[in-house]
């Protein structure tokens, strides 16, 4: 059985992030076909990270700084050096920042697959130096990768024919879900079924939660907003969001997973995605799998799914978002059956295996 190494992520399970969720869902499937080694960053591992075992997956936990803009580079450098001594047949790098080390891995004879999740340099949180490094990582990884997976087909179409020839579009996915009737977690957070708006994601500026809170402040309805997610390092943005909650309508549940998150999805009145930039948001697919009505910002990532035009609102427009939310809250509660067949993790994982096999 050939050896596969996965680098560029903080780790799983029990680690927050869309890329981490992506890997949590497909790597166990990949382990049926490859001997998998997943490199994780020690500072981000939780109690859950050490308790669950995955057949066919070896975890290699290496040190990492938590300095914003430097952690991914430092950890990926350590991963790459480890791989020079403990080789893999295929290295799957997730994200363009860690992709900076693609030429080194190729120089030592390893085949490299880049999974391009998003153009990270477009995120507001990065300064000029970090954005420059990310652009260099993008250039080197796209140029030297053996194959490239884009989770966003619109992102793939931006690049030259040379890059597209070795690229494939494989979207993010979801698992089959069954809505829950229990509401224990809701009660702990003073939330009532059907009487709150839900948003899920890291507490970072590109998620646009400030726009969402401003929109909720404008609503005549006494409907609460639940934001499920936590800040990575700097809590200043979280403090800023709390200062915007002048009507005391917002509940911050922190990093939420498992049954607690399933409860939030199961009983929400509406899901809102307020991001200014995304690759292909898994949280949006999760909300769709629970048949929730959606209000989303009009960005390329949200156009990857076929929603009604009234679901889309301009980026960073509290007024437009408030009007869209109010329109939904004023109508009768409903559930929507979306076409989700192509967004299954089993399909995503098999398409990834097929790509790996094309490298033989």
Protein backbone atom coordinates (compact mmCIF):
# COMPACT_ATOMS: atom_id res chain seq x y z
CA UNK A 1 0.00 0.00 0.00
CA UNK A 2 1.40 3.40 -0.97
CA UNK A 3 2.13 6.10 1.58
CA UNK A 4 0.18 9.36 1.74
CA UNK A 5 1.15 12.38 3.85
CA UNK A 6 -1.30 15.17 4.65
CA UNK A 7 0.17 18.55 5.65
CA UNK A 8 -0.93 22.16 5.87
CA UNK A 9 -3.71 21.69 8.43
CA UNK A 10 -3.85 22.22 12.18
CA UNK A 11 -5.13 18.72 12.71
CA UNK A 12 -8.22 16.68 13.55
CA UNK A 13 -10.37 15.67 15.34
CA UNK A 14 -11.43 18.38 17.76
CA UNK A 15 -9.77 21.25 15.87
CA UNK A 16 -11.82 24.16 14.51
CA UNK A 17 -11.72 25.05 10.82
CA UNK A 18 -13.26 24.30 7.44
CA UNK A 19 -10.07 22.73 6.07
CA UNK A 20 -9.77 20.63 9.21
CA UNK A 21 -13.38 19.48 8.76
CA UNK A 22 -12.63 18.65 5.12
CA UNK A 23 -9.72 16.41 6.13
CA UNK A 24 -11.60 14.84 9.04
CA UNK A 25 -14.24 13.67 6.59
CA UNK A 26 -12.11 12.40 3.70
CA UNK A 27 -8.82 11.14 5.18
CA UNK A 28 -10.42 8.12 6.96
CA UNK A 29 -11.76 7.10 3.53
CA UNK A 30 -8.36 7.67 1.92
CA UNK A 31 -6.85 5.41 4.59
CA UNK A 32 -8.63 2.47 2.98
CA UNK A 33 -6.38 2.92 -0.04
CA UNK A 34 -3.19 4.45 1.39
CA UNK A 35 -1.06 4.33 4.51
CA UNK A 36 -1.83 7.81 5.80
CA UNK A 37 0.29 10.08 7.95
CA UNK A 38 -1.39 13.30 9.09
CA UNK A 39 0.83 16.07 10.42
CA UNK A 40 -0.76 18.08 13.22
CA UNK A 41 0.19 21.27 15.07
CA UNK A 42 0.58 20.56 18.78
CA UNK A 43 -0.71 23.90 20.14
CA UNK A 44 -4.13 23.34 18.53
CA UNK A 45 -4.76 19.80 19.69
CA UNK A 46 -7.54 19.27 22.21
CA UNK A 47 -8.53 16.46 24.55
CA UNK A 48 -10.67 15.07 21.73
CA UNK A 49 -7.65 15.01 19.41
CA UNK A 50 -5.93 12.39 21.52
CA UNK A 51 -8.82 10.13 22.35
CA UNK A 52 -10.14 9.00 18.98
CA UNK A 53 -8.20 6.56 16.84
CA UNK A 54 -8.59 6.17 13.08
CA UNK A 55 -7.67 2.86 11.41
CA UNK A 56 -4.88 3.29 8.89
CA UNK A 57 -3.97 6.83 10.02
CA UNK A 58 -0.77 7.74 11.83
CA UNK A 59 -0.68 11.17 13.47
CA UNK A 60 2.62 13.00 13.61
CA UNK A 61 2.37 15.92 16.03
CA UNK A 62 5.06 18.55 15.60
CA UNK A 63 5.70 21.86 17.39
CA UNK A 64 4.20 25.04 15.99
CA UNK A 65 4.20 28.66 16.93
CA UNK A 66 0.84 30.42 17.24
CA UNK A 67 2.18 33.66 15.79
CA UNK A 68 -0.34 34.82 13.19
CA UNK A 69 1.08 34.65 9.68
CA UNK A 70 4.01 32.45 10.66
CA UNK A 71 2.55 29.31 12.23
CA UNK A 72 1.67 27.55 8.96
CA UNK A 73 5.08 28.23 7.39
CA UNK A 74 7.05 27.07 10.42
CA UNK A 75 5.02 23.92 10.89
CA UNK A 76 5.06 23.02 7.19
CA UNK A 77 8.83 23.49 7.12
CA UNK A 78 9.13 20.97 9.97
CA UNK A 79 6.76 18.61 8.15
CA UNK A 80 8.78 18.89 4.94
CA UNK A 81 12.07 18.18 6.75
CA UNK A 82 10.48 15.17 8.44
CA UNK A 83 9.29 13.94 5.04
CA UNK A 84 12.82 14.08 3.66
CA UNK A 85 13.72 11.38 6.19
CA UNK A 86 10.37 9.57 6.34
CA UNK A 87 9.24 9.72 2.76
CA UNK A 88 5.75 9.43 1.32
CA UNK A 89 4.73 8.53 -2.21
CA UNK A 90 2.17 11.34 -2.32
CA UNK A 91 2.03 14.51 -0.25
CA UNK A 92 -1.31 16.34 -0.15
CA UNK A 93 -0.75 19.96 0.86
CA UNK A 94 -3.80 21.89 1.97
CA UNK A 95 -3.76 25.65 1.28
CA UNK A 96 -1.41 27.90 -0.63
CA UNK A 97 0.64 29.15 2.34
CA UNK A 98 2.03 25.68 3.16
CA UNK A 99 2.40 25.19 -0.60
CA UNK A 100 5.52 27.34 -0.41
CA UNK A 101 7.48 24.12 0.20
CA UNK A 102 6.16 22.27 -2.85
CA UNK A 103 9.41 22.70 -4.85
CA UNK A 104 11.45 21.17 -2.01
CA UNK A 105 9.26 18.07 -1.85
CA UNK A 106 9.29 17.69 -5.63
CA UNK A 107 13.07 18.09 -5.69
CA UNK A 108 13.31 15.02 -3.45
CA UNK A 109 11.13 12.95 -5.75
CA UNK A 110 7.76 13.09 -4.04
CA UNK A 111 4.52 13.66 -5.92
CA UNK A 112 2.61 16.63 -4.53
CA UNK A 113 -1.12 17.35 -4.72
CA UNK A 114 -2.18 20.84 -3.72
CA UNK A 115 -5.73 21.28 -2.44
CA UNK A 116 -6.52 24.93 -3.10
CA UNK A 117 -9.17 25.93 -0.57
CA UNK A 118 -9.18 29.71 -0.89
CA UNK A 119 -7.11 32.74 -1.88
CA UNK A 120 -6.04 33.44 1.70
CA UNK A 121 -4.30 36.69 0.76
CA UNK A 122 -7.74 38.19 0.18
CA UNK A 123 -8.57 37.87 3.88
CA UNK A 124 -8.58 41.14 5.81
CA UNK A 125 -6.64 39.74 8.76
CA UNK A 126 -3.34 39.49 6.85
CA UNK A 127 -0.83 42.32 6.60
CA UNK A 128 1.23 43.17 3.53
CA UNK A 129 4.13 40.84 4.39
CA UNK A 130 1.83 37.87 5.05
CA UNK A 131 -0.12 38.53 1.84
CA UNK A 132 3.12 38.63 -0.15
CA UNK A 133 4.21 35.29 1.32
CA UNK A 134 0.83 33.77 0.51
CA UNK A 135 1.04 34.96 -3.09
CA UNK A 136 4.53 33.46 -3.40
CA UNK A 137 3.15 30.22 -1.93
CA UNK A 138 0.35 30.26 -4.47
CA UNK A 139 2.76 30.80 -7.37
CA UNK A 140 5.19 28.07 -6.30
CA UNK A 141 2.58 25.49 -5.35
CA UNK A 142 0.56 25.91 -8.53
CA UNK A 143 3.68 25.82 -10.68
CA UNK A 144 5.36 22.80 -9.08
CA UNK A 145 2.45 20.66 -7.83
CA UNK A 146 1.89 17.40 -9.68
CA UNK A 147 -1.88 17.92 -9.52
CA UNK A 148 -4.16 20.60 -8.08
CA UNK A 149 -7.59 20.17 -6.49
CA UNK A 150 -9.79 23.26 -6.40
CA UNK A 151 -12.79 23.17 -4.08
CA UNK A 152 -14.12 26.25 -5.92
CA UNK A 153 -14.44 25.95 -9.71
CA UNK A 154 -14.62 29.73 -10.14
CA UNK A 155 -11.22 30.01 -8.48
CA UNK A 156 -9.80 27.41 -10.86
CA UNK A 157 -11.07 29.35 -13.88
CA UNK A 158 -8.97 32.38 -12.90
CA UNK A 159 -5.72 30.64 -13.72
CA UNK A 160 -3.89 29.92 -16.95
CA UNK A 161 -4.61 26.98 -19.22
CA UNK A 162 -1.34 25.42 -18.09
CA UNK A 163 -2.57 25.31 -14.49
CA UNK A 164 -6.07 24.17 -15.43
CA UNK A 165 -4.69 21.23 -17.42
CA UNK A 166 -3.38 19.63 -14.25
CA UNK A 167 -6.29 20.72 -12.07
CA UNK A 168 -9.64 19.24 -11.13
CA UNK A 169 -12.67 20.65 -9.37
CA UNK A 170 -13.73 18.59 -6.35
CA UNK A 171 -16.19 20.44 -4.09
CA UNK A 172 -16.51 20.16 -0.34
CA UNK A 173 -19.12 17.81 0.98
CA UNK A 174 -21.50 16.87 3.76
CA UNK A 175 -22.56 13.76 5.61
CA UNK A 176 -26.08 12.42 5.88
CA UNK A 177 -27.81 14.02 8.86
CA UNK A 178 -30.90 13.43 10.94
CA UNK A 179 -32.30 16.54 12.66
CA UNK A 180 -32.38 16.23 16.45
CA UNK A 181 -35.37 16.77 18.72
CA UNK A 182 -33.25 17.28 21.84
CA UNK A 183 -32.54 20.86 22.89
CA UNK A 184 -30.22 20.48 25.89
CA UNK A 185 -27.48 22.65 24.42
CA UNK A 186 -30.02 25.30 23.43
CA UNK A 187 -31.32 25.53 26.99
CA UNK A 188 -27.77 25.98 28.30
CA UNK A 189 -27.41 28.97 25.98
CA UNK A 190 -30.88 30.48 26.56
CA UNK A 191 -32.00 29.71 23.01
CA UNK A 192 -35.49 28.58 22.02
CA UNK A 193 -36.18 26.26 19.07
CA UNK A 194 -37.24 28.19 16.00
CA UNK A 195 -36.48 31.57 17.57
CA UNK A 196 -32.87 32.20 16.61
CA UNK A 197 -30.75 32.89 13.55
CA UNK A 198 -27.64 30.73 13.23
CA UNK A 199 -24.15 31.51 11.94
CA UNK A 200 -21.15 29.20 12.24
CA UNK A 201 -17.45 29.90 11.72
CA UNK A 202 -14.18 31.11 13.16
CA UNK A 203 -14.40 34.53 14.78
CA UNK A 204 -12.30 36.31 12.16
CA UNK A 205 -12.98 39.49 10.14
CA UNK A 206 -13.53 37.76 6.78
CA UNK A 207 -16.57 35.98 8.24
CA UNK A 208 -18.39 39.33 8.34
CA UNK A 209 -20.06 38.75 11.72
CA UNK A 210 -19.91 42.50 12.39
CA UNK A 211 -22.20 43.08 9.38
CA UNK A 212 -24.53 40.35 10.62
CA UNK A 213 -24.79 41.78 14.14
CA UNK A 214 -25.50 45.25 12.75
CA UNK A 215 -28.23 43.72 10.60
CA UNK A 216 -29.78 41.91 13.57
CA UNK A 217 -29.79 45.17 15.53
CA UNK A 218 -32.07 46.63 12.85
CA UNK A 219 -34.69 43.88 13.06
CA UNK A 220 -38.07 44.63 14.62
CA UNK A 221 -38.37 40.96 15.56
CA UNK A 222 -37.08 39.85 18.93
CA UNK A 223 -35.12 37.03 17.33
CA UNK A 224 -31.78 36.02 18.78
CA UNK A 225 -28.58 35.37 16.85
CA UNK A 226 -26.40 32.38 17.74
CA UNK A 227 -22.79 32.50 16.54
CA UNK A 228 -21.00 29.17 16.92
CA UNK A 229 -17.23 29.57 16.70
CA UNK A 230 -14.22 30.84 18.58
CA UNK A 231 -11.33 33.24 18.00
CA UNK A 232 -7.99 31.70 17.04
CA UNK A 233 -5.48 33.89 18.87
CA UNK A 234 -6.37 37.55 19.03
CA UNK A 235 -9.69 38.12 20.80
CA UNK A 236 -9.94 41.80 19.79
CA UNK A 237 -12.39 41.05 16.97
CA UNK A 238 -14.56 39.01 19.34
CA UNK A 239 -14.51 41.91 21.82
CA UNK A 240 -15.49 44.24 18.98
CA UNK A 241 -18.41 41.99 18.04
CA UNK A 242 -19.64 41.93 21.62
CA UNK A 243 -19.50 45.74 21.71
CA UNK A 244 -21.78 45.84 18.64
CA UNK A 245 -24.42 43.75 20.40
CA UNK A 246 -26.21 46.79 21.77
CA UNK A 247 -29.59 45.00 21.87
CA UNK A 248 -28.19 41.98 23.71
CA UNK A 249 -29.53 39.58 21.10
CA UNK A 250 -26.34 37.65 20.35
CA UNK A 251 -25.28 34.38 21.95
CA UNK A 252 -21.67 33.30 21.36
CA UNK A 253 -21.55 29.55 21.93
CA UNK A 254 -17.80 29.19 21.31
CA UNK A 255 -16.31 26.36 19.27
CA UNK A 256 -19.21 23.92 18.93
CA UNK A 257 -19.16 20.44 17.43
CA UNK A 258 -20.93 17.10 17.49
CA UNK A 259 -24.41 16.84 18.96
CA UNK A 260 -24.30 20.42 20.27
CA UNK A 261 -23.76 21.80 16.77
CA UNK A 262 -26.36 19.40 15.38
CA UNK A 263 -28.86 20.81 17.88
CA UNK A 264 -28.13 24.35 16.70
CA UNK A 265 -28.70 23.38 13.07
CA UNK A 266 -31.78 21.31 13.87
CA UNK A 267 -33.70 24.06 15.63
CA UNK A 268 -32.56 27.24 13.83
CA UNK A 269 -35.13 29.45 12.12
CA UNK A 270 -32.66 30.66 9.49
CA UNK A 271 -29.00 30.29 8.58
CA UNK A 272 -26.97 33.36 7.57
CA UNK A 273 -23.54 33.33 5.94
CA UNK A 274 -22.10 36.85 6.10
CA UNK A 275 -18.56 36.19 4.82
CA UNK A 276 -16.64 38.55 2.58
CA UNK A 277 -14.43 35.71 1.28
CA UNK A 278 -14.71 31.91 1.23
CA UNK A 279 -13.35 28.93 -0.66
CA UNK A 280 -16.42 26.69 -0.52
CA UNK A 281 -18.05 27.03 2.90
CA UNK A 282 -18.81 23.67 4.45
CA UNK A 283 -21.05 25.38 7.00
CA UNK A 284 -23.35 26.50 4.18
CA UNK A 285 -23.61 22.92 2.92
CA UNK A 286 -24.30 21.74 6.47
CA UNK A 287 -27.12 24.27 6.82
CA UNK A 288 -28.55 23.06 3.51
CA UNK A 289 -28.36 19.46 4.68
CA UNK A 290 -30.63 20.47 7.59
CA UNK A 291 -32.99 22.09 5.05
CA UNK A 292 -32.60 25.55 6.59
CA UNK A 293 -33.63 28.71 4.72
CA UNK A 294 -30.52 30.73 3.81
CA UNK A 295 -29.41 34.32 3.53
CA UNK A 296 -25.87 34.53 2.13
CA UNK A 297 -23.50 37.19 0.86
CA UNK A 298 -23.12 37.33 -2.90
CA UNK A 299 -19.60 35.98 -3.36
CA UNK A 300 -18.33 33.40 -5.88
CA UNK A 301 -18.29 30.64 -3.26
CA UNK A 302 -22.01 30.94 -2.52
CA UNK A 303 -22.81 30.91 -6.25
CA UNK A 304 -21.44 27.37 -6.42
CA UNK A 305 -24.82 26.17 -5.19
CA UNK A 306 -28.10 27.00 -6.88
CA UNK A 307 -30.03 29.25 -4.48
CA UNK A 308 -32.89 31.58 -5.27
CA UNK A 309 -31.80 35.10 -6.11
CA UNK A 310 -33.50 36.57 -3.03
CA UNK A 311 -31.15 34.54 -0.83
CA UNK A 312 -28.18 36.66 -1.93
CA UNK A 313 -27.26 40.03 -0.43
CA UNK A 314 -24.36 42.40 -1.19
CA UNK A 315 -21.17 41.98 0.83
CA UNK A 316 -20.80 44.18 3.93
CA UNK A 317 -24.30 45.66 3.65
CA UNK A 318 -26.15 45.52 6.99
CA UNK A 319 -29.22 47.20 5.47
CA UNK A 320 -29.61 44.65 2.69
CA UNK A 321 -28.93 41.77 5.05
CA UNK A 322 -31.49 43.05 7.56
CA UNK A 323 -34.14 43.32 4.83
CA UNK A 324 -33.45 39.77 3.62
CA UNK A 325 -33.57 38.37 7.16
CA UNK A 326 -36.75 40.31 7.93
CA UNK A 327 -38.39 38.98 4.78
CA UNK A 328 -37.64 35.42 5.86
CA UNK A 329 -38.71 35.92 9.48
CA UNK A 330 -41.99 37.50 8.35
CA UNK A 331 -42.92 34.45 6.31
CA UNK A 332 -44.16 31.15 7.69
CA UNK A 333 -41.40 28.89 9.03
CA UNK A 334 -40.37 26.33 6.47
CA UNK A 335 -37.77 23.76 5.54
CA UNK A 336 -36.28 23.57 2.03
CA UNK A 337 -35.21 20.40 0.25
CA UNK A 338 -31.98 21.18 -1.60
CA UNK A 339 -30.36 18.96 -4.24
CA UNK A 340 -27.29 17.69 -2.41
CA UNK A 341 -26.31 14.53 -4.27
CA UNK A 342 -23.00 15.86 -5.61
CA UNK A 343 -21.97 17.12 -2.17
CA UNK A 344 -21.31 13.88 -0.36
CA UNK A 345 -18.05 13.21 1.41
CA UNK A 346 -17.91 9.70 -0.05
CA UNK A 347 -18.01 11.21 -3.56
CA UNK A 348 -15.40 13.81 -2.63
CA UNK A 349 -13.07 11.20 -1.15
CA UNK A 350 -13.42 8.81 -4.11
CA UNK A 351 -12.72 11.62 -6.56
CA UNK A 352 -9.58 12.40 -4.54
CA UNK A 353 -8.48 8.75 -4.68
CA UNK A 354 -9.03 8.75 -8.44
CA UNK A 355 -6.80 11.81 -8.74
CA UNK A 356 -4.06 10.18 -6.69
CA UNK A 357 -4.21 7.08 -8.88
CA UNK A 358 -3.75 9.24 -11.98
CA UNK A 359 -0.25 10.00 -10.66
CA UNK A 360 0.84 6.35 -11.01
